Protein backbone atom coordinates (compact mmCIF):
# COMPACT_ATOMS: atom_id res chain seq x y z
CA MET A 1 -16.13 35.82 10.32
CA ILE A 2 -19.31 37.25 9.96
CA GLY A 3 -20.46 41.15 10.98
CA PRO A 4 -23.21 43.17 9.38
CA ALA A 5 -22.84 44.96 6.77
CA ALA A 6 -22.70 48.42 6.54
CA ALA A 7 -26.12 50.24 4.54
CA LEU A 8 -25.90 51.61 0.88
CA PRO A 9 -25.90 55.59 0.86
CA LEU A 10 -28.40 55.49 -1.55
CA GLN A 11 -32.16 56.90 -1.03
CA ASP A 12 -35.27 55.20 -1.44
CA LEU A 13 -33.61 51.38 -0.71
CA THR A 14 -35.51 48.81 1.97
CA MET A 15 -32.52 47.02 3.21
CA ARG A 16 -34.24 43.53 3.24
CA SER A 17 -32.16 39.97 4.64
CA VAL A 18 -28.60 40.59 5.01
CA ARG A 19 -25.88 39.36 6.16
CA LEU A 20 -22.42 39.21 5.24
CA LEU A 21 -18.89 37.01 5.22
CA LEU A 22 -15.73 39.04 4.00
CA ILE A 23 -12.48 36.35 3.31
CA LEU A 24 -9.68 38.63 3.02
CA GLY A 25 -7.54 35.97 1.60
CA LEU A 26 -4.32 34.24 -0.42
CA LEU A 27 -2.03 36.25 1.61
CA LEU A 28 -0.11 34.50 3.97
CA ALA A 29 0.46 36.95 7.29
CA PRO A 30 3.51 35.51 9.36
CA ARG A 31 2.10 32.74 11.22
CA ARG A 32 5.01 31.97 14.12
CA ALA A 33 8.03 33.72 15.61
CA GLY A 34 11.64 33.07 15.77
CA ALA A 35 13.35 30.80 13.36
CA ASP A 36 10.02 29.42 11.99
CA PRO A 37 9.80 29.94 8.06
CA PRO A 38 9.13 32.90 5.93
CA PRO A 39 5.51 33.45 4.61
CA VAL A 40 4.46 32.31 1.28
CA SER A 41 1.31 32.03 -0.32
CA ALA A 42 0.25 29.14 -2.67
CA ARG A 43 -3.32 29.19 -4.17
CA TYR A 44 -2.96 25.44 -5.52
CA VAL A 45 -1.43 22.31 -3.70
CA ILE A 46 -1.18 19.32 -5.36
CA LEU A 47 -0.05 16.09 -2.89
CA LEU A 48 1.18 12.54 -4.80
CA ILE A 49 1.43 10.25 -3.03
CA ALA A 50 3.00 6.79 -4.56
CA ASP A 51 1.64 4.06 -1.51
CA GLY A 52 4.07 1.74 -0.17
CA TRP A 53 6.84 2.88 -2.84
CA SER A 54 11.06 3.53 -1.59
CA TYR A 55 14.45 4.12 -2.87
CA LYS A 56 14.64 0.68 -4.20
CA ILE A 57 11.31 0.67 -6.37
CA ILE A 58 12.06 4.00 -8.19
CA GLU A 59 15.49 2.59 -9.17
CA ALA A 60 13.97 -0.71 -10.61
CA THR A 61 11.56 1.20 -12.32
CA ASN A 62 13.85 3.56 -13.68
CA ARG A 63 16.37 0.67 -14.67
CA TYR A 64 13.45 -1.01 -16.42
CA ASN A 65 12.58 2.56 -18.48
CA GLY A 66 16.04 3.32 -18.59
CA SER A 67 15.09 7.16 -17.62
CA ALA A 68 14.34 8.88 -14.63
CA PRO A 69 11.13 10.98 -14.52
CA ALA A 70 11.50 15.22 -14.26
CA TYR A 71 10.21 15.50 -10.43
CA GLN A 72 13.24 13.80 -9.43
CA SER A 73 15.26 16.16 -9.70
CA TRP A 74 13.44 18.30 -8.01
CA THR A 75 14.23 19.51 -4.30
CA HIS A 76 14.22 16.18 -2.57
CA TYR A 77 14.81 14.80 0.60
CA PRO A 78 14.22 11.93 2.54
CA MET A 79 11.08 11.43 5.21
CA ALA A 80 10.79 9.22 8.34
CA THR A 81 6.73 7.28 8.54
CA PHE A 82 7.01 5.83 11.80
CA PRO A 83 3.36 6.23 13.84
CA LEU A 84 2.95 6.99 17.07
CA GLY A 85 5.66 5.84 19.70
CA GLY A 86 7.80 4.64 17.30
CA SER A 87 10.97 5.99 15.67
CA TYR A 88 13.61 5.81 13.07
CA VAL A 89 17.40 5.17 14.38
CA SER A 90 19.77 5.94 11.42
CA ASP A 91 22.39 3.41 13.00
CA SER A 92 20.12 0.62 13.77
CA ALA A 93 18.83 1.16 10.60
CA TRP A 94 22.40 0.45 8.19
CA SER A 95 23.87 -1.98 10.75
CA ASP A 96 21.09 -4.64 11.93
CA PHE A 97 19.20 -5.57 8.74
CA ALA A 98 15.95 -6.75 10.42
CA TYR A 99 15.39 -3.06 11.92
CA VAL A 100 13.05 -1.22 9.60
CA THR A 101 11.01 -4.69 9.17
CA SER A 102 9.26 -3.60 12.58
CA GLY A 103 7.99 -0.65 14.08
CA TYR A 104 6.66 0.19 10.50
CA THR A 105 3.14 2.31 10.18
CA ASP A 106 0.31 1.54 8.28
CA SER A 107 -0.91 3.92 5.68
CA ALA A 108 -3.96 5.70 7.95
CA ALA A 109 -1.67 6.42 10.48
CA ALA A 110 0.85 7.60 7.67
CA ALA A 111 -1.76 9.68 6.15
CA THR A 112 -2.95 10.94 9.25
CA ALA A 113 0.38 12.14 9.90
CA LEU A 114 0.88 14.17 5.95
CA TYR A 115 -2.40 15.38 6.42
CA THR A 116 -2.59 16.86 9.97
CA GLY A 117 0.76 16.94 11.43
CA ALA A 118 0.51 14.62 14.15
CA LYS A 119 1.83 11.21 14.79
CA THR A 120 -1.24 8.55 15.65
CA ALA A 121 -1.86 4.94 16.21
CA ASN A 122 -1.81 2.47 13.30
CA GLY A 123 -5.41 2.15 12.03
CA ARG A 124 -6.73 5.68 12.90
CA ILE A 125 -7.87 7.85 10.61
CA SER A 126 -7.79 11.55 11.33
CA VAL A 127 -8.09 10.92 14.71
CA ASN A 128 -5.73 10.69 17.91
CA GLY A 129 -3.90 7.65 19.25
CA ASN A 130 -6.86 6.92 21.91
CA ALA A 131 -9.54 7.89 19.24
CA THR A 132 -10.87 10.09 21.36
CA ASP A 133 -10.08 13.28 18.97
CA ARG A 134 -10.36 14.59 15.68
CA LEU A 135 -7.55 16.12 14.38
CA LYS A 136 -7.77 18.74 12.31
CA ALA A 137 -6.65 18.16 8.89
CA ILE A 138 -5.38 20.28 5.63
CA THR A 139 -8.05 19.77 3.69
CA GLU A 140 -10.46 20.99 6.32
CA LYS A 141 -7.64 24.49 6.76
CA ALA A 142 -8.54 24.87 2.91
CA ARG A 143 -11.83 25.21 3.80
CA GLU A 144 -11.74 27.65 5.84
CA GLN A 145 -10.20 30.05 2.68
CA ASP A 146 -12.96 27.90 0.79
CA LYS A 147 -11.05 26.78 -1.65
CA ALA A 148 -12.23 23.44 -3.67
CA VAL A 149 -10.86 20.12 -2.31
CA GLY A 150 -10.19 16.91 -4.08
CA ALA A 151 -8.83 13.03 -4.42
CA VAL A 152 -7.73 10.94 -6.91
CA THR A 153 -6.85 6.98 -6.32
CA SER A 154 -6.27 3.68 -7.98
CA VAL A 155 -7.71 1.97 -4.97
CA GLN A 156 -11.31 2.14 -3.46
CA ILE A 157 -12.00 5.90 -2.52
CA SER A 158 -12.67 5.35 0.55
CA HIS A 159 -8.89 3.09 1.50
CA ALA A 160 -6.80 4.35 4.57
CA THR A 161 -4.82 7.24 2.34
CA PRO A 162 -7.57 9.17 0.70
CA GLY A 163 -9.63 8.20 3.86
CA ALA A 164 -7.92 10.04 6.34
CA TRP A 165 -8.17 13.33 3.40
CA GLU A 166 -11.63 13.21 3.88
CA ALA A 167 -12.97 11.62 6.87
CA HIS A 168 -12.33 10.82 10.70
CA ASN A 169 -13.00 7.58 11.78
CA ASP A 170 -11.47 5.21 14.53
CA ALA A 171 -10.92 2.52 12.30
CA ARG A 172 -9.65 2.61 8.17
CA GLY A 173 -11.91 -0.71 7.96
CA ASN A 174 -14.96 1.46 8.30
CA GLY A 175 -15.01 2.24 4.61
CA TYR A 176 -18.57 2.53 4.33
CA ALA A 177 -18.82 5.58 6.85
CA ILE A 178 -15.40 7.19 4.95
CA ALA A 179 -17.06 7.07 1.58
CA ASP A 180 -20.36 8.91 3.13
CA GLU A 181 -18.19 11.71 5.11
CA GLY A 182 -15.96 12.42 1.86
CA LEU A 183 -19.35 12.26 -0.30
CA TRP A 184 -21.46 14.39 1.56
CA GLY A 185 -20.23 14.97 5.18
CA ASP A 186 -22.18 12.80 7.56
CA PRO A 187 -19.98 9.49 8.03
CA ASN A 188 -24.20 7.85 8.83
CA THR A 189 -25.93 9.22 5.52
CA THR A 190 -26.50 5.57 4.05
CA GLY A 191 -26.18 3.89 6.88
CA PRO A 192 -26.29 4.17 11.28
CA ALA A 193 -23.47 3.85 13.24
CA THR A 194 -24.34 0.45 14.16
CA GLU A 195 -24.44 -0.98 10.90
CA ASN A 196 -21.56 -2.87 9.44
CA LYS A 197 -18.23 -0.29 8.05
CA HIS A 198 -20.71 2.74 9.16
CA GLY A 199 -19.27 3.29 12.78
CA GLY A 200 -16.10 4.84 13.91
CA GLY A 201 -17.49 8.28 12.92
CA HIS A 202 -16.57 11.90 14.44
CA GLY A 203 -19.05 13.75 13.62
CA PRO A 204 -19.76 15.90 10.11
CA THR A 205 -16.97 16.98 7.51
CA LEU A 206 -18.35 19.81 6.02
CA PRO A 207 -18.65 20.54 3.10
CA PRO A 208 -17.32 17.71 1.78
CA LEU A 209 -14.89 16.84 -0.92
CA ASP A 210 -15.95 18.60 -4.73
CA VAL A 211 -14.12 15.54 -6.37
CA LEU A 212 -13.59 11.82 -5.31
CA ILE A 213 -12.41 9.61 -8.20
CA GLY A 214 -11.34 6.02 -7.75
CA GLY A 215 -12.08 2.09 -7.44
CA GLY A 216 -14.26 0.42 -5.16
CA HIS A 217 -17.22 0.53 -7.47
CA PRO A 218 -19.57 -2.27 -5.33
CA ALA A 219 -20.48 -4.72 -8.46
CA TRP A 220 -16.93 -5.09 -8.64
CA ASN A 221 -15.89 -6.88 -5.35
CA SER A 222 -15.22 -3.29 -3.17
CA GLY A 223 -15.63 -4.25 0.38
CA TYR A 224 -15.28 -0.37 0.73
CA VAL A 225 -18.26 1.33 -1.06
CA ASN A 226 -21.37 -0.47 -0.81
CA THR A 227 -24.76 -0.26 -3.44
CA ALA A 228 -26.14 2.26 -0.90
CA ILE A 229 -23.74 4.60 -1.43
CA ARG A 230 -23.54 3.79 -5.58
CA ASP A 231 -27.29 4.00 -5.87
CA LYS A 232 -27.13 7.29 -4.02
CA LEU A 233 -24.43 8.78 -6.14
CA ALA A 234 -26.50 7.65 -9.08
CA ALA A 235 -29.74 9.06 -8.11
CA GLU A 236 -28.69 12.79 -7.51
CA SER A 237 -26.29 12.61 -10.06
CA GLY A 238 -26.22 16.11 -11.76
CA ALA A 239 -28.73 17.55 -9.72
CA PRO A 240 -27.85 21.56 -8.55
CA GLY A 241 -25.02 20.91 -5.90
CA ALA A 242 -24.79 17.72 -6.10
CA PHE A 243 -22.10 14.93 -8.00
CA LEU A 244 -22.08 14.45 -11.77
CA LEU A 245 -21.53 10.74 -11.46
CA VAL A 246 -19.30 8.49 -13.97
CA GLU A 247 -18.96 5.00 -13.35
CA ARG A 248 -17.45 1.91 -14.79
CA VAL A 249 -19.90 0.50 -17.49
CA ALA A 250 -19.09 -3.26 -18.35
CA GLY A 251 -18.13 -3.36 -21.86
CA ALA A 252 -17.89 -0.07 -22.11
CA ALA A 253 -14.06 0.22 -23.03
CA ASP A 254 -14.15 4.38 -22.79
CA GLY A 255 -14.20 4.86 -19.38
CA GLY A 256 -11.40 7.42 -19.26
CA SER A 257 -12.75 9.90 -22.09
CA ARG A 258 -16.32 9.53 -20.54
CA LEU A 259 -14.62 10.58 -17.19
CA LEU A 260 -13.12 13.44 -18.78
CA ALA A 261 -15.87 14.52 -21.27
CA ALA A 262 -17.90 14.58 -17.73
CA ALA A 263 -15.40 17.06 -15.90
CA ALA A 264 -15.32 19.26 -19.31
CA THR A 265 -18.82 20.68 -19.23
CA ASP A 266 -18.13 24.22 -17.69
CA GLU A 267 -21.24 23.59 -15.55
CA THR A 268 -19.75 20.58 -13.68
CA THR A 269 -18.32 21.70 -10.00
CA ARG A 270 -18.30 18.96 -8.90
CA LEU A 271 -17.41 14.81 -10.07
CA ALA A 272 -17.33 11.51 -8.66
CA GLY A 273 -15.99 8.55 -10.39
CA LEU A 274 -16.66 5.28 -9.27
CA PHE A 275 -14.55 2.24 -11.13
CA GLY A 276 -12.87 -0.98 -10.15
CA GLY A 277 -11.56 -3.74 -10.65
CA SER A 278 -11.42 -7.45 -9.24
CA GLY A 279 -9.99 -6.81 -5.75
CA GLY A 280 -11.65 -3.10 -5.84
CA ASN A 281 -8.44 -1.76 -7.10
CA ILE A 282 -8.24 -0.10 -10.99
CA ALA A 283 -7.01 -3.04 -12.39
CA TYR A 284 -3.12 -3.50 -12.35
CA ARG A 285 -1.13 -2.32 -15.35
CA LEU A 286 2.15 -4.15 -15.98
CA ALA A 287 5.91 -3.07 -16.97
CA ASP A 288 4.92 -2.65 -20.34
CA GLY A 289 2.20 -0.82 -20.12
CA SER A 290 -0.09 -4.36 -20.56
CA GLY A 291 -3.28 -5.06 -18.29
CA HIS A 292 -4.97 -1.71 -17.87
CA ASP A 293 -8.74 -2.04 -18.73
CA PRO A 294 -10.18 0.63 -21.19
CA GLU A 295 -13.42 -0.05 -18.73
CA ASN A 296 -11.43 2.34 -16.24
CA PRO A 297 -9.50 5.91 -16.49
CA THR A 298 -5.86 5.37 -15.90
CA LEU A 299 -4.66 7.57 -12.80
CA ALA A 300 -3.51 10.19 -15.03
CA GLU A 301 -6.81 10.65 -16.51
CA MET A 302 -8.37 10.77 -13.47
CA THR A 303 -5.88 13.25 -12.63
CA GLN A 304 -6.75 15.66 -15.65
CA ALA A 305 -10.16 15.25 -14.93
CA ALA A 306 -9.90 16.07 -11.09
CA LEU A 307 -7.94 19.31 -12.17
CA THR A 308 -9.91 20.55 -14.73
CA VAL A 309 -12.99 20.87 -12.10
CA LEU A 310 -11.20 21.94 -8.94
CA ALA A 311 -9.92 24.97 -11.12
CA ARG A 312 -13.62 26.29 -11.65
CA ASP A 313 -12.71 27.48 -7.74
CA VAL A 314 -11.09 30.53 -8.85
CA GLN A 315 -9.96 30.72 -4.96
CA GLY A 316 -7.96 28.06 -5.58
CA PHE A 317 -8.06 24.12 -4.53
CA LEU A 318 -6.17 20.81 -2.64
CA LEU A 319 -5.69 17.48 -4.45
CA LEU A 320 -4.69 14.50 -3.44
CA VAL A 321 -3.79 11.95 -5.87
CA GLU A 322 -2.97 8.37 -4.84
CA GLY A 323 -1.08 5.65 -6.80
CA GLY A 324 -2.54 2.78 -3.85
CA ALA A 325 -1.58 -0.41 -5.88
CA VAL A 326 2.03 0.45 -5.67
CA ASP A 327 1.59 -0.75 -2.21
CA TRP A 328 -0.41 -3.95 -2.87
CA ALA A 329 2.06 -5.07 -5.67
CA ALA A 330 5.16 -4.83 -3.31
CA HIS A 331 3.07 -6.49 -0.78
CA ASN A 332 2.38 -9.28 -3.38
CA ASN A 333 6.57 -9.17 -3.91
CA ARG A 334 5.78 -9.01 -7.74
CA LEU A 335 7.94 -6.22 -9.19
CA ASP A 336 6.14 -6.40 -12.80
CA GLN A 337 3.16 -5.17 -11.03
CA ALA A 338 4.93 -2.57 -8.97
CA ILE A 339 6.84 -1.14 -12.46
CA GLY A 340 3.51 -0.97 -13.74
CA GLU A 341 1.92 0.75 -11.39
CA MET A 342 5.28 2.94 -10.97
CA ASN A 343 4.83 4.11 -14.13
CA GLY A 344 1.05 4.98 -13.83
CA PHE A 345 1.34 7.24 -11.05
CA ASP A 346 4.80 8.67 -13.02
CA ALA A 347 2.60 9.68 -15.76
CA ALA A 348 -0.27 11.24 -12.93
CA VAL A 349 2.60 13.03 -11.74
CA GLN A 350 3.79 14.30 -15.53
CA ALA A 351 0.15 15.05 -16.49
CA THR A 352 0.11 17.56 -12.71
CA ILE A 353 3.50 19.02 -14.05
CA ALA A 354 1.77 19.43 -17.50
CA TRP A 355 -1.27 21.10 -16.00
CA VAL A 356 0.42 23.50 -13.94
CA GLU A 357 2.55 24.87 -16.63
CA ALA A 358 0.79 25.57 -19.30
CA ALA A 359 -0.38 28.62 -20.80
CA ASP A 360 -4.50 28.18 -20.78
CA THR A 361 -4.42 26.73 -16.87
CA PRO A 362 -4.82 29.20 -13.51
CA THR A 363 -1.84 27.39 -12.11
CA ASN A 364 2.39 28.32 -12.62
CA TRP A 365 5.23 27.59 -10.21
CA GLU A 366 4.81 30.91 -8.91
CA ASN A 367 1.32 30.02 -7.05
CA THR A 368 1.18 26.19 -6.92
CA LEU A 369 3.15 23.76 -4.85
CA VAL A 370 3.74 20.03 -5.92
CA ILE A 371 4.87 17.69 -3.34
CA VAL A 372 5.19 13.94 -4.60
CA THR A 373 6.20 11.50 -1.88
CA GLY A 374 4.36 7.96 -0.47
CA ASP A 375 3.53 7.31 2.41
CA HIS A 376 5.52 4.04 3.67
CA GLU A 377 8.14 1.33 2.07
CA THR A 378 6.10 -1.97 1.36
CA GLY A 379 8.64 -4.93 0.16
CA TYR A 380 11.85 -3.93 1.79
CA LEU A 381 13.20 -4.75 -1.75
CA THR A 382 16.88 -5.09 -2.10
CA ALA A 383 19.91 -6.34 -4.66
CA GLY A 384 19.96 -10.17 -2.51
CA PRO A 385 18.41 -11.57 0.70
CA GLY A 386 19.81 -9.76 3.91
CA VAL A 387 21.18 -7.02 1.59
CA PHE A 388 21.35 -3.41 2.75
CA ALA A 389 19.56 -1.55 0.62
CA HIS A 390 21.90 1.73 -0.33
CA VAL A 391 23.63 -1.36 -2.93
CA PRO A 392 22.52 -1.03 -5.97
CA LEU A 393 20.58 -3.22 -7.52
CA THR A 394 21.62 -5.45 -10.50
CA ALA A 395 21.78 -3.77 -14.00
CA THR A 396 19.37 -5.55 -15.98
CA ILE A 397 16.12 -4.96 -14.72
CA ASP A 398 13.96 -5.99 -18.65
CA ALA A 399 11.06 -8.10 -19.42
CA ALA A 400 13.55 -11.43 -19.11
CA THR A 401 14.90 -11.33 -15.25
CA LEU A 402 11.39 -10.45 -14.44
CA ALA A 403 10.05 -13.43 -16.04
CA LEU A 404 12.85 -14.95 -13.77
CA GLU A 405 10.72 -13.74 -10.74
CA LYS A 406 9.57 -16.60 -8.31
CA THR A 407 8.77 -17.62 -5.16
CA VAL A 408 12.02 -18.89 -3.28
CA SER A 409 11.20 -21.99 -1.68
CA GLY A 410 10.49 -21.99 1.95
CA ALA A 411 10.74 -18.64 2.19
CA SER A 412 7.74 -16.81 0.88
CA ARG A 413 9.68 -14.28 -0.60
CA ARG A 414 9.70 -13.66 -4.18
CA ALA A 415 13.19 -12.79 -6.02
CA SER A 416 14.38 -13.06 -9.29
CA TRP A 417 17.66 -14.91 -10.24
CA GLU A 418 19.47 -17.54 -12.65
CA ASP A 419 17.95 -20.54 -11.44
CA VAL A 420 20.17 -23.41 -12.26
CA ALA A 421 21.31 -26.13 -9.63
CA ASN A 422 18.17 -26.37 -7.19
CA PRO A 423 15.14 -25.45 -8.71
CA GLY A 424 13.40 -22.47 -6.31
CA VAL A 425 16.85 -22.42 -4.22
CA ILE A 426 19.17 -19.47 -4.49
CA ASP A 427 22.48 -21.02 -4.48
CA SER A 428 25.70 -19.02 -3.61
CA SER A 429 26.58 -19.38 -7.04
CA GLU A 430 23.67 -18.55 -8.83
CA ARG A 431 23.29 -14.81 -10.02
CA VAL A 432 20.65 -12.56 -7.92
CA TYR A 433 18.69 -9.49 -9.56
CA TRP A 434 16.49 -8.16 -7.00
CA TYR A 435 15.17 -9.87 -3.29
CA TRP A 436 11.67 -8.87 -1.48
CA ASN A 437 12.86 -9.48 2.15
CA SER A 438 9.39 -9.08 3.12
CA GLY A 439 6.03 -9.01 2.30
CA ASN A 440 4.97 -5.72 4.78
CA HIS A 441 5.86 -2.36 5.37
CA ALA A 442 9.11 -1.59 6.52
CA ASN A 443 10.24 1.28 8.69
CA SER A 444 13.03 3.17 6.46
CA LEU A 445 12.99 6.42 4.58
CA ILE A 446 11.13 7.22 1.57
CA PRO A 447 11.85 9.93 -0.88
CA LEU A 448 10.03 13.55 -0.92
CA TYR A 449 10.41 15.64 -4.11
CA ALA A 450 8.79 19.52 -4.06
CA LYS A 451 8.38 21.99 -6.42
CA GLY A 452 6.44 25.51 -6.48
CA VAL A 453 5.97 28.18 -4.01
CA GLY A 454 6.76 26.86 -0.77
CA ALA A 455 9.36 24.24 -1.46
CA GLU A 456 12.05 25.87 0.12
CA LEU A 457 10.38 25.21 3.16
CA PHE A 458 11.50 21.64 3.75
CA ALA A 459 14.90 22.71 4.36
CA VAL A 460 13.38 24.23 7.29
CA TYR A 461 12.67 20.83 8.64
CA ALA A 462 14.89 19.08 7.34
CA THR A 463 17.08 18.22 10.70
CA GLY A 464 17.28 14.61 11.08
CA ALA A 465 20.13 13.22 10.78
CA ASP A 466 20.78 9.63 8.43
CA SER A 467 24.19 8.47 7.64
CA VAL A 468 23.80 6.83 4.25
CA ARG A 469 20.65 9.60 2.58
CA GLY A 470 21.58 12.63 4.65
CA ALA A 471 19.44 14.87 6.27
CA TYR A 472 15.84 14.00 6.63
CA VAL A 473 12.22 16.00 6.66
CA ASP A 474 9.43 13.62 8.90
CA ASN A 475 6.06 12.98 7.89
CA THR A 476 4.32 15.26 9.73
CA ASP A 477 6.21 18.28 8.26
CA VAL A 478 4.25 17.49 5.05
CA PHE A 479 1.59 18.92 6.54
CA LYS A 480 3.49 21.83 8.05
CA VAL A 481 4.59 23.47 4.70
CA MET A 482 1.39 22.75 3.21
CA ASP A 483 0.30 24.81 6.22
CA ALA A 484 2.75 26.98 5.76
CA ALA A 485 2.19 27.72 1.90
CA LEU A 486 -1.26 28.44 2.46
CA PRO A 487 -2.48 31.83 3.66
CA MET A 488 -3.44 32.92 6.86
CA PRO A 489 -7.11 31.93 7.33
CA PRO A 490 -9.52 35.46 6.51
CA ALA A 491 -9.95 38.47 8.93
CA ALA A 492 -13.52 40.16 9.25
CA VAL A 493 -14.05 43.36 7.18
CA THR A 494 -17.00 46.12 7.27
CA GLY A 495 -17.99 48.15 4.68
CA ALA A 496 -19.79 46.24 2.03
CA ALA A 497 -23.81 45.60 1.67
CA ILE A 498 -26.70 44.62 -0.23
CA ALA A 499 -30.17 45.96 -1.32
CA LEU A 500 -33.12 45.54 -3.11
CA GLY A 501 -34.48 47.97 -5.33
CA SER A 502 -37.47 48.24 -7.04
CA GLY A 503 -36.71 46.26 -9.65
CA ASP A 504 -32.98 45.07 -9.27
CA VAL A 505 -30.38 43.71 -6.22
CA LEU A 506 -27.52 46.27 -5.29
CA LEU A 507 -24.02 45.95 -4.07
CA GLN A 508 -21.67 48.11 -2.89
CA TRP A 509 -18.43 47.36 -2.02
CA PRO A 510 -15.35 49.50 0.02
CA ALA A 511 -11.89 49.81 -2.03
CA VAL A 512 -9.42 49.15 0.49
CA ARG A 513 -7.86 47.11 2.32
CA VAL A 514 -4.98 45.87 4.10
CA ASP A 515 -1.92 43.83 2.73
CA VAL A 516 0.29 42.05 5.13
CA SER A 517 2.62 44.58 5.18
CA GLY A 518 -0.10 46.58 6.77
CA GLN A 519 -0.36 49.29 4.11
CA PRO A 520 -3.52 50.06 2.44
CA VAL A 521 -4.01 49.31 -1.58
CA THR A 522 -6.47 48.50 -3.77
CA ALA A 523 -7.65 46.82 -6.66
CA SER A 524 -7.96 47.66 -10.42
CA ALA A 525 -10.88 45.26 -10.71
CA TYR A 526 -13.54 43.21 -9.52
CA HIS A 527 -15.79 40.13 -10.60
CA ILE A 528 -19.15 39.61 -9.29
CA TYR A 529 -20.18 35.98 -9.21
CA ARG A 530 -23.88 35.09 -8.89
CA GLY A 531 -25.53 31.25 -7.79
CA ASP A 532 -28.45 30.01 -6.27
CA ALA A 533 -26.86 27.95 -3.31
CA PRO A 534 -24.70 29.20 -0.51
CA SER A 535 -22.02 26.50 -1.48
CA PHE A 536 -21.74 27.40 -4.76
CA ARG A 537 -18.66 27.54 -6.63
CA PRO A 538 -17.34 31.04 -8.20
CA GLY A 539 -15.88 30.16 -11.53
CA PRO A 540 -16.72 30.75 -15.60
CA ALA A 541 -20.08 29.30 -15.33
CA THR A 542 -21.55 31.77 -12.76
CA LEU A 543 -19.51 34.96 -13.30
CA LEU A 544 -22.21 37.63 -13.64
CA HIS A 545 -20.25 40.92 -14.45
CA SER A 546 -16.87 42.20 -13.91
CA THR A 547 -16.22 46.21 -13.33
CA ALA A 548 -13.78 48.55 -12.44
CA GLY A 549 -16.14 50.15 -10.06
CA LEU A 550 -17.49 49.61 -6.58
CA THR A 551 -21.04 49.24 -6.95
CA HIS A 552 -23.35 46.79 -9.12
CA SER A 553 -26.65 46.61 -10.08
CA ASP A 554 -28.25 43.14 -10.80
CA PRO A 555 -31.57 43.54 -12.99
CA GLY A 556 -34.61 41.46 -11.44
CA LEU A 557 -35.29 40.13 -8.32
CA PRO A 558 -35.35 36.82 -6.73
CA ALA A 559 -38.24 34.16 -7.16
CA ALA A 560 -40.66 34.46 -4.10
CA GLY A 561 -39.20 31.68 -1.49
CA SER A 562 -35.53 32.00 -3.48
CA ALA A 563 -32.29 32.96 -2.66
CA ARG A 564 -29.97 34.72 -4.25
CA TYR A 565 -26.10 34.47 -3.61
CA TYR A 566 -23.15 37.01 -4.97
CA THR A 567 -19.46 36.22 -4.28
CA LEU A 568 -16.77 39.18 -5.86
CA LEU A 569 -13.41 39.02 -6.19
CA ALA A 570 -10.91 41.41 -7.31
CA ALA A 571 -8.90 41.14 -9.77
CA SER A 572 -6.10 42.07 -12.35
CA GLY A 573 -8.68 43.50 -15.24
CA PRO A 574 -11.91 43.86 -16.04
CA ASN A 575 -12.11 41.52 -18.57
CA SER A 576 -9.86 38.97 -17.17
CA ILE A 577 -11.30 35.59 -15.54
CA GLY A 578 -10.61 35.17 -12.12
CA PRO A 579 -7.85 37.16 -10.08
CA ALA A 580 -4.13 36.86 -11.02
CA GLY A 581 -1.99 37.74 -8.55
CA PRO A 582 -2.84 37.32 -4.61
CA MET A 583 -6.63 38.15 -4.03
CA LEU A 584 -7.49 40.66 -2.71
CA GLY A 585 -10.43 39.30 -0.61
CA VAL A 586 -13.91 37.54 -1.20
CA PHE A 587 -17.61 38.96 -0.60
CA SER A 588 -20.21 36.49 0.10
CA PHE A 589 -23.87 38.48 -0.15
CA PRO A 590 -26.33 35.97 0.33
CA LEU A 591 -30.30 37.73 -0.25
CA THR A 592 -33.86 36.08 0.59
CA PRO A 593 -36.12 38.24 -0.18
CA GLY A 594 -38.83 39.12 2.91
CA GLY A 595 -36.47 37.70 5.35
């Protein structure tokens, strides 16, 4: 992508250090042949995952609330989740009740499939089944287009689901290496590979994330983030190019407002949030909304903070939002917690929808793809012991029936029922409201919902046939749709240059480029951004000048030993901030005097 820049056709100028990187982006060229999906282009992709959810957990949540959230009316497909070497067989799933209690995925393998489009073994983090090779994630493809990338989660920031988004590792338990890789790019930033939870890395992932917010604060029993990681974040906080850290403070019941205030500052282009609870996750909320500790932000607040920061990258962003403790509640067979965590997740989805549709944000349904799904089912919740999941739950799910949930004697499972005759035993005459048939994951189909540019592409991949749920997709298809929705990688173009004048820096660029149809087109205006680091994120805080012309003179010269970096973006008009519609391209000009 890097080629020589053409010299400026100006007199009496001396060319110094000149390099040019041109990215023609955000326009998707056809990338596949035959019956593959048509090209689309999404500048913003947001993936929301309720870890461990299922059709029955959703049904229970909607029954309790008396309504369904808006996203459940979007494009919908069931999704298979099995790991490498596994399968899903519809006839077996609906004839043998125990079938789905084996052959299930874990979160690491499921997340890897969602983000890389490849199946792997349980426990692997964006590497292949025998851990010999890295798998290229959608986050890395987004970086090729210079998009910002972020993740927020209600559990530890380096737990399995966000871990596969940010890192490559042999084992999901290597939380310190995963956190190091997500925050700084190197899995051994704060400790050697021989140190506990620092092993299993597969080299650097650069650049690292721009936003990472969630649980795992080591002061609250994390297991996935150590003190060295927290201390490095704190020491660097706010420095140029570093994360601004917002963390949980004991006794400070303003975790959400402090996080949102930090995100609202125009100069914030990288944001880390480190919060947590006694188990490392953000404290559980219950179905009635109680339980949340305001020392922590809500998942919706974390999502809003991430969107605010990532939107400063005018080239777009990729965001993961995980409601991770839905899974934890289902492992514990506690529907009160599961509904509470689902409500928190649904609030984050609604915050995302509001952001996309707001008049003062760069997003809309013509440039944004939002996908809402899970990674696997947990708990195998049904209407009763041995009752298949297509049978509806009883109509009553409220505070009274939640209070009836308890452990079934001799079964190691929990259920809600009218326990009248033999305490702790479900008798044939007693009414059962629900029953958890497992304390682990299940190899069941789970729901997926999508809206925005590219959502229609799921129809291309819905080739599975289930006798109850209908046509279904595979979890690897989520990557395929995101990959198809993102534009093609950039192509090199010549004809732009940078040079030093006697007291200014001079930039020049060509007017013409080729669009996806092969026709030459021009932009009506251009925005010039300036930063002091090669990885600066072009945004309102770094906007230097807007012009309809093809040259610009930036007064003054960089000080000796320093450097300037310029980025040029095409726009719809000289008074607009950031591009509107498909972007013409990005020119990055690094300039070091005397080089």
